[in-house]
């Protein structure tokens, strides 16, 4: 099930598009929070922040398609058995 999710979901990774999305969401939700604290309507500013989040996600997706996203497949961590075998091999070669 988790593998199927990873196949369907594009991973932005540590890239320009990922940083754009992260920083822009922080800014959008911070502006909305400040507006609510300053006396704005919670519902109105939540809707504005949600709409901005969707638009910013679309922009980040376009950036990824334009080559500012992950260039190679996401790395797959080793299984426990592979990791233990690697540690054992490193310990034997180190002695």
PDB file of N, CA and C in Angstrom:
ATOM      1  N   UNK A   1       0.824  -1.191   0.000  1.00  0.00           N
ATOM      2  CA  UNK A   1       0.000   0.000   0.000  1.00  0.00           C
ATOM      3  C   UNK A   1       0.871   1.259   0.000  1.00  0.00           C
ATOM      4  N   UNK A   2       1.892   1.263   0.860  1.00  0.00           N
ATOM      5  CA  UNK A   2       2.779   2.422   0.913  1.00  0.00           C
ATOM      6  C   UNK A   2       3.529   2.581  -0.406  1.00  0.00           C
ATOM      7  N   UNK A   3       3.921   1.449  -1.017  1.00  0.00           N
ATOM      8  CA  UNK A   3       4.615   1.527  -2.297  1.00  0.00           C
ATOM      9  C   UNK A   3       3.729   2.134  -3.371  1.00  0.00           C
ATOM     10  N   UNK A   4       2.458   1.773  -3.361  1.00  0.00           N
ATOM     11  CA  UNK A   4       1.524   2.325  -4.338  1.00  0.00           C
ATOM     12  C   UNK A   4       1.388   3.835  -4.140  1.00  0.00           C
ATOM     13  N   UNK A   5       1.379   4.271  -2.892  1.00  0.00           N
ATOM     14  CA  UNK A   5       1.279   5.705  -2.622  1.00  0.00           C
ATOM     15  C   UNK A   5       2.507   6.428  -3.155  1.00  0.00           C
ATOM     16  N   UNK A   6       3.688   5.862  -2.945  1.00  0.00           N
ATOM     17  CA  UNK A   6       4.909   6.505  -3.412  1.00  0.00           C
ATOM     18  C   UNK A   6       4.970   6.551  -4.929  1.00  0.00           C
ATOM     19  N   UNK A   7       4.385   5.568  -5.602  1.00  0.00           N
ATOM     20  CA  UNK A   7       4.383   5.576  -7.056  1.00  0.00           C
ATOM     21  C   UNK A   7       3.476   6.676  -7.593  1.00  0.00           C
ATOM     22  N   UNK A   8       2.386   6.969  -6.882  1.00  0.00           N
ATOM     23  CA  UNK A   8       1.439   7.969  -7.346  1.00  0.00           C
ATOM     24  C   UNK A   8       1.865   9.385  -6.975  1.00  0.00           C
ATOM     25  N   UNK A   9       2.658   9.540  -5.928  1.00  0.00           N
ATOM     26  CA  UNK A   9       3.001  10.853  -5.408  1.00  0.00           C
ATOM     27  C   UNK A   9       4.363  11.286  -5.918  1.00  0.00           C
ATOM     28  N   UNK A  10       4.407  12.477  -6.512  1.00  0.00           N
ATOM     29  CA  UNK A  10       5.686  13.026  -6.940  1.00  0.00           C
ATOM     30  C   UNK A  10       6.387  13.625  -5.744  1.00  0.00           C
ATOM     31  N   UNK A  11       7.626  13.248  -5.547  1.00  0.00           N
ATOM     32  CA  UNK A  11       8.411  13.768  -4.444  1.00  0.00           C
ATOM     33  C   UNK A  11       9.247  14.923  -4.951  1.00  0.00           C
ATOM     34  N   UNK A  12       9.074  16.096  -4.361  1.00  0.00           N
ATOM     35  CA  UNK A  12       9.842  17.255  -4.792  1.00  0.00           C
ATOM     36  C   UNK A  12      11.293  17.154  -4.334  1.00  0.00           C
ATOM     37  N   UNK A  13      11.538  16.577  -3.162  1.00  0.00           N
ATOM     38  CA  UNK A  13      12.904  16.442  -2.667  1.00  0.00           C
ATOM     39  C   UNK A  13      13.480  17.771  -2.219  1.00  0.00           C
ATOM     40  N   UNK A  14      14.772  17.823  -2.022  1.00  0.00           N
ATOM     41  CA  UNK A  14      15.467  19.033  -1.594  1.00  0.00           C
ATOM     42  C   UNK A  14      15.859  19.817  -2.838  1.00  0.00           C
ATOM     43  N   UNK A  15      14.875  20.493  -3.427  1.00  0.00           N
ATOM     44  CA  UNK A  15      15.076  21.163  -4.703  1.00  0.00           C
ATOM     45  C   UNK A  15      14.516  22.578  -4.645  1.00  0.00           C
ATOM     46  N   UNK A  16      14.724  23.331  -5.720  1.00  0.00           N
ATOM     47  CA  UNK A  16      14.207  24.698  -5.801  1.00  0.00           C
ATOM     48  C   UNK A  16      12.686  24.702  -5.653  1.00  0.00           C
ATOM     49  N   UNK A  17      12.012  23.789  -6.336  1.00  0.00           N
ATOM     50  CA  UNK A  17      10.551  23.764  -6.256  1.00  0.00           C
ATOM     51  C   UNK A  17      10.071  23.416  -4.846  1.00  0.00           C
ATOM     52  N   UNK A  18      10.783  22.531  -4.171  1.00  0.00           N
ATOM     53  CA  UNK A  18      10.400  22.163  -2.803  1.00  0.00           C
ATOM     54  C   UNK A  18      10.582  23.335  -1.849  1.00  0.00           C
ATOM     55  N   UNK A  19      11.702  24.021  -1.972  1.00  0.00           N
ATOM     56  CA  UNK A  19      11.944  25.174  -1.094  1.00  0.00           C
ATOM     57  C   UNK A  19      10.963  26.296  -1.385  1.00  0.00           C
ATOM     58  N   UNK A  20      10.652  26.505  -2.667  1.00  0.00           N
ATOM     59  CA  UNK A  20       9.649  27.512  -3.016  1.00  0.00           C
ATOM     60  C   UNK A  20       8.322  27.189  -2.343  1.00  0.00           C
ATOM     61  N   UNK A  21       7.903  25.934  -2.449  1.00  0.00           N
ATOM     62  CA  UNK A  21       6.623  25.534  -1.873  1.00  0.00           C
ATOM     63  C   UNK A  21       6.625  25.691  -0.352  1.00  0.00           C
ATOM     64  N   UNK A  22       7.674  25.249   0.297  1.00  0.00           N
ATOM     65  CA  UNK A  22       7.762  25.340   1.755  1.00  0.00           C
ATOM     66  C   UNK A  22       7.716  26.793   2.226  1.00  0.00           C
ATOM     67  N   UNK A  23       8.566  27.625   1.648  1.00  0.00           N
ATOM     68  CA  UNK A  23       8.643  29.018   2.086  1.00  0.00           C
ATOM     69  C   UNK A  23       7.366  29.784   1.751  1.00  0.00           C
ATOM     70  N   UNK A  24       6.812  29.536   0.569  1.00  0.00           N
ATOM     71  CA  UNK A  24       5.597  30.256   0.187  1.00  0.00           C
ATOM     72  C   UNK A  24       4.406  29.858   1.062  1.00  0.00           C
ATOM     73  N   UNK A  25       4.312  28.587   1.441  1.00  0.00           N
ATOM     74  CA  UNK A  25       3.232  28.178   2.351  1.00  0.00           C
ATOM     75  C   UNK A  25       3.402  28.815   3.730  1.00  0.00           C
ATOM     76  N   UNK A  26       4.636  28.869   4.201  1.00  0.00           N
ATOM     77  CA  UNK A  26       4.884  29.509   5.499  1.00  0.00           C
ATOM     78  C   UNK A  26       4.445  30.972   5.440  1.00  0.00           C
ATOM     79  N   UNK A  27       4.796  31.660   4.362  1.00  0.00           N
ATOM     80  CA  UNK A  27       4.419  33.065   4.216  1.00  0.00           C
ATOM     81  C   UNK A  27       2.897  33.208   4.133  1.00  0.00           C
ATOM     82  N   UNK A  28       2.256  32.393   3.307  1.00  0.00           N
ATOM     83  CA  UNK A  28       0.803  32.497   3.131  1.00  0.00           C
ATOM     84  C   UNK A  28       0.055  32.279   4.445  1.00  0.00           C
ATOM     85  N   UNK A  29       0.423  31.248   5.179  1.00  0.00           N
ATOM     86  CA  UNK A  29      -0.282  30.951   6.430  1.00  0.00           C
ATOM     87  C   UNK A  29       0.079  31.931   7.530  1.00  0.00           C
ATOM     88  N   UNK A  30       1.300  32.491   7.499  1.00  0.00           N
ATOM     89  CA  UNK A  30       1.676  33.507   8.479  1.00  0.00           C
ATOM     90  C   UNK A  30       0.887  34.791   8.237  1.00  0.00           C
ATOM     91  N   UNK A  31       0.756  35.183   6.979  1.00  0.00           N
ATOM     92  CA  UNK A  31      -0.043  36.370   6.645  1.00  0.00           C
ATOM     93  C   UNK A  31      -1.487  36.174   7.099  1.00  0.00           C
ATOM     94  N   UNK A  32      -2.040  34.992   6.830  1.00  0.00           N
ATOM     95  CA  UNK A  32      -3.422  34.722   7.248  1.00  0.00           C
ATOM     96  C   UNK A  32      -3.553  34.767   8.771  1.00  0.00           C
ATOM     97  N   UNK A  33      -2.580  34.198   9.477  1.00  0.00           N
ATOM     98  CA  UNK A  33      -2.639  34.196  10.944  1.00  0.00           C
ATOM     99  C   UNK A  33      -2.546  35.609  11.496  1.00  0.00           C
ATOM    100  N   UNK A  34      -1.665  36.412  10.938  1.00  0.00           N
ATOM    101  CA  UNK A  34      -1.527  37.798  11.401  1.00  0.00           C
ATOM    102  C   UNK A  34      -2.810  38.579  11.124  1.00  0.00           C
ATOM    103  N   UNK A  35      -3.415  38.327   9.968  1.00  0.00           N
ATOM    104  CA  UNK A  35      -4.665  39.009   9.629  1.00  0.00           C
ATOM    105  C   UNK A  35      -5.783  38.628  10.613  1.00  0.00           C
ATOM    106  N   UNK A  36      -5.844  37.376  10.992  1.00  0.00           N
ATOM    107  CA  UNK A  36      -6.863  36.935  11.955  1.00  0.00           C
ATOM    108  C   UNK A  36      -6.600  37.562  13.321  1.00  0.00           C
ATOM    109  N   UNK A  37      -5.337  37.580  13.733  1.00  0.00           N
ATOM    110  CA  UNK A  37      -4.979  38.181  15.026  1.00  0.00           C
ATOM    111  C   UNK A  37      -5.304  39.678  15.025  1.00  0.00           C
ATOM    112  N   UNK A  38      -5.127  40.325  13.892  1.00  0.00           N
ATOM    113  CA  UNK A  38      -5.396  41.756  13.776  1.00  0.00           C
ATOM    114  C   UNK A  38      -6.888  42.065  13.712  1.00  0.00           C
ATOM    115  N   UNK A  39      -7.719  41.024  13.717  1.00  0.00           N
ATOM    116  CA  UNK A  39      -9.165  41.254  13.751  1.00  0.00           C
ATOM    117  C   UNK A  39      -9.925  40.810  12.520  1.00  0.00           C
ATOM    118  N   UNK A  40      -9.229  40.176  11.582  1.00  0.00           N
ATOM    119  CA  UNK A  40      -9.903  39.685  10.382  1.00  0.00           C
ATOM    120  C   UNK A  40     -10.733  38.446  10.675  1.00  0.00           C
ATOM    121  N   UNK A  41     -11.577  38.102   9.756  1.00  0.00           N
ATOM    122  CA  UNK A  41     -12.444  36.934   9.907  1.00  0.00           C
ATOM    123  C   UNK A  41     -11.633  35.645   9.741  1.00  0.00           C
ATOM    124  N   UNK A  42     -11.778  34.743  10.699  1.00  0.00           N
ATOM    125  CA  UNK A  42     -11.067  33.463  10.655  1.00  0.00           C
ATOM    126  C   UNK A  42     -11.446  32.683   9.400  1.00  0.00           C
ATOM    127  N   UNK A  43     -12.731  32.614   9.088  1.00  0.00           N
ATOM    128  CA  UNK A  43     -13.196  31.861   7.930  1.00  0.00           C
ATOM    129  C   UNK A  43     -12.644  32.462   6.631  1.00  0.00           C
ATOM    130  N   UNK A  44     -12.724  33.765   6.509  1.00  0.00           N
ATOM    131  CA  UNK A  44     -12.248  34.428   5.292  1.00  0.00           C
ATOM    132  C   UNK A  44     -10.760  34.177   5.069  1.00  0.00           C
ATOM    133  N   UNK A  45      -9.942  34.367   6.103  1.00  0.00           N
ATOM    134  CA  UNK A  45      -8.504  34.221   5.950  1.00  0.00           C
ATOM    135  C   UNK A  45      -8.083  32.764   5.804  1.00  0.00           C
ATOM    136  N   UNK A  46      -8.855  31.851   6.367  1.00  0.00           N
ATOM    137  CA  UNK A  46      -8.564  30.428   6.153  1.00  0.00           C
ATOM    138  C   UNK A  46      -8.812  30.063   4.692  1.00  0.00           C
ATOM    139  N   UNK A  47      -9.901  30.554   4.145  1.00  0.00           N
ATOM    140  CA  UNK A  47     -10.213  30.285   2.731  1.00  0.00           C
ATOM    141  C   UNK A  47      -9.143  30.904   1.831  1.00  0.00           C
ATOM    142  N   UNK A  48      -8.728  32.132   2.150  1.00  0.00           N
ATOM    143  CA  UNK A  48      -7.682  32.791   1.354  1.00  0.00           C
ATOM    144  C   UNK A  48      -6.383  31.996   1.415  1.00  0.00           C
ATOM    145  N   UNK A  49      -5.996  31.551   2.611  1.00  0.00           N
ATOM    146  CA  UNK A  49      -4.751  30.785   2.754  1.00  0.00           C
ATOM    147  C   UNK A  49      -4.843  29.441   2.036  1.00  0.00           C
ATOM    148  N   UNK A  50      -5.990  28.777   2.110  1.00  0.00           N
ATOM    149  CA  UNK A  50      -6.161  27.500   1.408  1.00  0.00           C
ATOM    150  C   UNK A  50      -6.073  27.695  -0.107  1.00  0.00           C
ATOM    151  N   UNK A  51      -6.730  28.728  -0.604  1.00  0.00           N
ATOM    152  CA  UNK A  51      -6.683  29.003  -2.049  1.00  0.00           C
ATOM    153  C   UNK A  51      -5.250  29.325  -2.476  1.00  0.00           C
ATOM    154  N   UNK A  52      -4.551  30.127  -1.675  1.00  0.00           N
ATOM    155  CA  UNK A  52      -3.157  30.452  -1.981  1.00  0.00           C
ATOM    156  C   UNK A  52      -2.302  29.193  -1.969  1.00  0.00           C
ATOM    157  N   UNK A  53      -2.550  28.282  -1.026  1.00  0.00           N
ATOM    158  CA  UNK A  53      -1.791  27.035  -0.948  1.00  0.00           C
ATOM    159  C   UNK A  53      -1.971  26.196  -2.208  1.00  0.00           C
ATOM    160  N   UNK A  54      -3.194  26.134  -2.705  1.00  0.00           N
ATOM    161  CA  UNK A  54      -3.456  25.360  -3.923  1.00  0.00           C
ATOM    162  C   UNK A  54      -2.726  25.982  -5.115  1.00  0.00           C
ATOM    163  N   UNK A  55      -2.828  27.311  -5.245  1.00  0.00           N
ATOM    164  CA  UNK A  55      -2.158  27.998  -6.353  1.00  0.00           C
ATOM    165  C   UNK A  55      -0.646  27.811  -6.260  1.00  0.00           C
ATOM    166  N   UNK A  56      -0.101  27.944  -5.062  1.00  0.00           N
ATOM    167  CA  UNK A  56       1.342  27.784  -4.877  1.00  0.00           C
ATOM    168  C   UNK A  56       1.787  26.346  -5.162  1.00  0.00           C
ATOM    169  N   UNK A  57       0.936  25.367  -4.844  1.00  0.00           N
ATOM    170  CA  UNK A  57       1.251  23.969  -5.160  1.00  0.00           C
ATOM    171  C   UNK A  57       1.312  23.755  -6.667  1.00  0.00           C
ATOM    172  N   UNK A  58       0.395  24.364  -7.371  1.00  0.00           N
ATOM    173  CA  UNK A  58       0.378  24.250  -8.832  1.00  0.00           C
ATOM    174  C   UNK A  58       1.648  24.883  -9.416  1.00  0.00           C
ATOM    175  N   UNK A  59       2.023  26.048  -8.882  1.00  0.00           N
ATOM    176  CA  UNK A  59       3.239  26.716  -9.355  1.00  0.00           C
ATOM    177  C   UNK A  59       4.466  25.837  -9.092  1.00  0.00           C
ATOM    178  N   UNK A  60       4.541  25.228  -7.904  1.00  0.00           N
ATOM    179  CA  UNK A  60       5.678  24.346  -7.583  1.00  0.00           C
ATOM    180  C   UNK A  60       5.699  23.135  -8.512  1.00  0.00           C
ATOM    181  N   UNK A  61       4.538  22.606  -8.860  1.00  0.00           N
ATOM    182  CA  UNK A  61       4.466  21.492  -9.802  1.00  0.00           C
ATOM    183  C   UNK A  61       4.966  21.879 -11.180  1.00  0.00           C
ATOM    184  N   UNK A  62       4.612  23.082 -11.614  1.00  0.00           N
ATOM    185  CA  UNK A  62       5.096  23.579 -12.910  1.00  0.00           C
ATOM    186  C   UNK A  62       6.610  23.775 -12.855  1.00  0.00           C
ATOM    187  N   UNK A  63       7.098  24.288 -11.721  1.00  0.00           N
ATOM    188  CA  UNK A  63       8.549  24.455 -11.567  1.00  0.00           C
ATOM    189  C   UNK A  63       9.252  23.105 -11.665  1.00  0.00           C
ATOM    190  N   UNK A  64       8.660  22.085 -11.055  1.00  0.00           N
ATOM    191  CA  UNK A  64       9.263  20.744 -11.098  1.00  0.00           C
ATOM    192  C   UNK A  64       9.299  20.225 -12.536  1.00  0.00           C
ATOM    193  N   UNK A  65       8.194  20.397 -13.244  1.00  0.00           N
ATOM    194  CA  UNK A  65       8.143  19.940 -14.640  1.00  0.00           C
ATOM    195  C   UNK A  65       9.130  20.722 -15.515  1.00  0.00           C
ATOM    196  N   UNK A  66       9.430  21.964 -15.125  1.00  0.00           N
ATOM    197  CA  UNK A  66      10.365  22.799 -15.886  1.00  0.00           C
ATOM    198  C   UNK A  66      11.825  22.466 -15.573  1.00  0.00           C
ATOM    199  N   UNK A  67      12.056  21.478 -14.698  1.00  0.00           N
ATOM    200  CA  UNK A  67      13.416  21.047 -14.424  1.00  0.00           C
ATOM    201  C   UNK A  67      13.981  21.522 -13.101  1.00  0.00           C
ATOM    202  N   UNK A  68      13.153  22.115 -12.254  1.00  0.00           N
ATOM    203  CA  UNK A  68      13.628  22.604 -10.969  1.00  0.00           C
ATOM    204  C   UNK A  68      13.288  21.649  -9.830  1.00  0.00           C
ATOM    205  N   UNK A  69      12.930  20.417 -10.180  1.00  0.00           N
ATOM    206  CA  UNK A  69      12.599  19.399  -9.182  1.00  0.00           C
ATOM    207  C   UNK A  69      13.673  18.328  -9.138  1.00  0.00           C
ATOM    208  N   UNK A  70      13.315  17.197  -8.552  1.00  0.00           N
ATOM    209  CA  UNK A  70      14.246  16.079  -8.420  1.00  0.00           C
ATOM    210  C   UNK A  70      14.622  15.554  -9.807  1.00  0.00           C
ATOM    211  N   UNK A  71      15.927  15.333 -10.015  1.00  0.00           N
ATOM    212  CA  UNK A  71      16.420  14.867 -11.316  1.00  0.00           C
ATOM    213  C   UNK A  71      16.535  13.346 -11.392  1.00  0.00           C
ATOM    214  N   UNK A  72      16.792  12.707 -10.274  1.00  0.00           N
ATOM    215  CA  UNK A  72      16.942  11.252 -10.248  1.00  0.00           C
ATOM    216  C   UNK A  72      15.871  10.673  -9.319  1.00  0.00           C
ATOM    217  N   UNK A  73      15.631   9.373  -9.415  1.00  0.00           N
ATOM    218  CA  UNK A  73      14.613   8.761  -8.557  1.00  0.00           C
ATOM    219  C   UNK A  73      14.947   8.923  -7.075  1.00  0.00           C
ATOM    220  N   UNK A  74      13.926   8.911  -6.267  1.00  0.00           N
ATOM    221  CA  UNK A  74      14.097   9.029  -4.827  1.00  0.00           C
ATOM    222  C   UNK A  74      14.916   7.849  -4.312  1.00  0.00           C
ATOM    223  N   UNK A  75      15.927   8.094  -3.457  1.00  0.00           N
ATOM    224  CA  UNK A  75      16.729   6.980  -2.939  1.00  0.00           C
ATOM    225  C   UNK A  75      15.899   6.070  -2.042  1.00  0.00           C
ATOM    226  N   UNK A  76      16.152   4.777  -2.159  1.00  0.00           N
ATOM    227  CA  UNK A  76      15.428   3.792  -1.349  1.00  0.00           C
ATOM    228  C   UNK A  76      16.370   3.309  -0.252  1.00  0.00           C
ATOM    229  N   UNK A  77      15.966   3.452   1.008  1.00  0.00           N
ATOM    230  CA  UNK A  77      16.853   3.012   2.090  1.00  0.00           C
ATOM    231  C   UNK A  77      17.016   1.492   2.078  1.00  0.00           C
ATOM    232  N   UNK A  78      18.145   0.991   2.602  1.00  0.00           N
ATOM    233  CA  UNK A  78      18.339  -0.461   2.625  1.00  0.00           C
ATOM    234  C   UNK A  78      17.376  -1.129   3.607  1.00  0.00           C
ATOM    235  N   UNK A  79      17.121  -2.408   3.348  1.00  0.00           N
ATOM    236  CA  UNK A  79      16.308  -3.173   4.302  1.00  0.00           C
ATOM    237  C   UNK A  79      17.151  -3.407   5.551  1.00  0.00           C
ATOM    238  N   UNK A  80      16.523  -3.862   6.597  1.00  0.00           N
ATOM    239  CA  UNK A  80      17.257  -4.123   7.834  1.00  0.00           C
ATOM    240  C   UNK A  80      18.366  -5.144   7.596  1.00  0.00           C
ATOM    241  N   UNK A  81      18.055  -6.175   6.815  1.00  0.00           N
ATOM    242  CA  UNK A  81      19.034  -7.226   6.539  1.00  0.00           C
ATOM    243  C   UNK A  81      20.229  -6.670   5.764  1.00  0.00           C
ATOM    244  N   UNK A  82      19.951  -5.822   4.756  1.00  0.00           N
ATOM    245  CA  UNK A  82      21.035  -5.216   3.985  1.00  0.00           C
ATOM    246  C   UNK A  82      21.886  -4.305   4.862  1.00  0.00           C
ATOM    247  N   UNK A  83      21.240  -3.548   5.725  1.00  0.00           N
ATOM    248  CA  UNK A  83      21.957  -2.640   6.611  1.00  0.00           C
ATOM    249  C   UNK A  83      22.850  -3.410   7.584  1.00  0.00           C
ATOM    250  N   UNK A  84      22.277  -4.491   8.176  1.00  0.00           N
ATOM    251  CA  UNK A  84      23.065  -5.305   9.112  1.00  0.00           C
ATOM    252  C   UNK A  84      24.236  -5.979   8.405  1.00  0.00           C
ATOM    253  N   UNK A  85      24.016  -6.462   7.178  1.00  0.00           N
ATOM    254  CA  UNK A  85      25.102  -7.100   6.422  1.00  0.00           C
ATOM    255  C   UNK A  85      26.200  -6.072   6.117  1.00  0.00           C
ATOM    256  N   UNK A  86      25.817  -4.851   5.796  1.00  0.00           N
ATOM    257  CA  UNK A  86      26.794  -3.804   5.521  1.00  0.00           C
ATOM    258  C   UNK A  86      27.602  -3.451   6.764  1.00  0.00           C
ATOM    259  N   UNK A  87      26.948  -3.390   7.903  1.00  0.00           N
ATOM    260  CA  UNK A  87      27.667  -3.108   9.159  1.00  0.00           C
ATOM    261  C   UNK A  87      28.623  -4.233   9.511  1.00  0.00           C
ATOM    262  N   UNK A  88      28.149  -5.472   9.294  1.00  0.00           N
ATOM    263  CA  UNK A  88      28.988  -6.628   9.599  1.00  0.00           C
ATOM    264  C   UNK A  88      30.215  -6.628   8.701  1.00  0.00           C
ATOM    265  N   UNK A  89      30.009  -6.346   7.411  1.00  0.00           N
ATOM    266  CA  UNK A  89      31.129  -6.324   6.454  1.00  0.00           C
ATOM    267  C   UNK A  89      32.112  -5.200   6.812  1.00  0.00           C
ATOM    268  N   UNK A  90      31.583  -4.049   7.228  1.00  0.00           N
ATOM    269  CA  UNK A  90      32.459  -2.928   7.593  1.00  0.00           C
ATOM    270  C   UNK A  90      33.244  -3.253   8.860  1.00  0.00           C
ATOM    271  N   UNK A  91      32.604  -3.946   9.808  1.00  0.00           N
ATOM    272  CA  UNK A  91      33.297  -4.305  11.046  1.00  0.00           C
ATOM    273  C   UNK A  91      34.387  -5.343  10.785  1.00  0.00           C
ATOM    274  N   UNK A  92      34.132  -6.286   9.865  1.00  0.00           N
ATOM    275  CA  UNK A  92      35.137  -7.318   9.569  1.00  0.00           C
ATOM    276  C   UNK A  92      36.310  -6.728   8.791  1.00  0.00           C
ATOM    277  N   UNK A  93      36.022  -5.805   7.884  1.00  0.00           N
ATOM    278  CA  UNK A  93      37.132  -5.225   7.103  1.00  0.00           C
ATOM    279  C   UNK A  93      37.916  -4.220   7.935  1.00  0.00           C
ATOM    280  N   UNK A  94      37.312  -3.700   8.986  1.00  0.00           N
ATOM    281  CA  UNK A  94      38.002  -2.750   9.835  1.00  0.00           C
ATOM    282  C   UNK A  94      38.960  -3.391  10.819  1.00  0.00           C
ATOM    283  N   UNK A  95      38.823  -4.677  11.087  1.00  0.00           N
ATOM    284  CA  UNK A  95      39.697  -5.385  12.063  1.00  0.00           C
ATOM    285  C   UNK A  95      40.927  -5.919  11.434  1.00  0.00           C
TER     286      UNK A  95
END
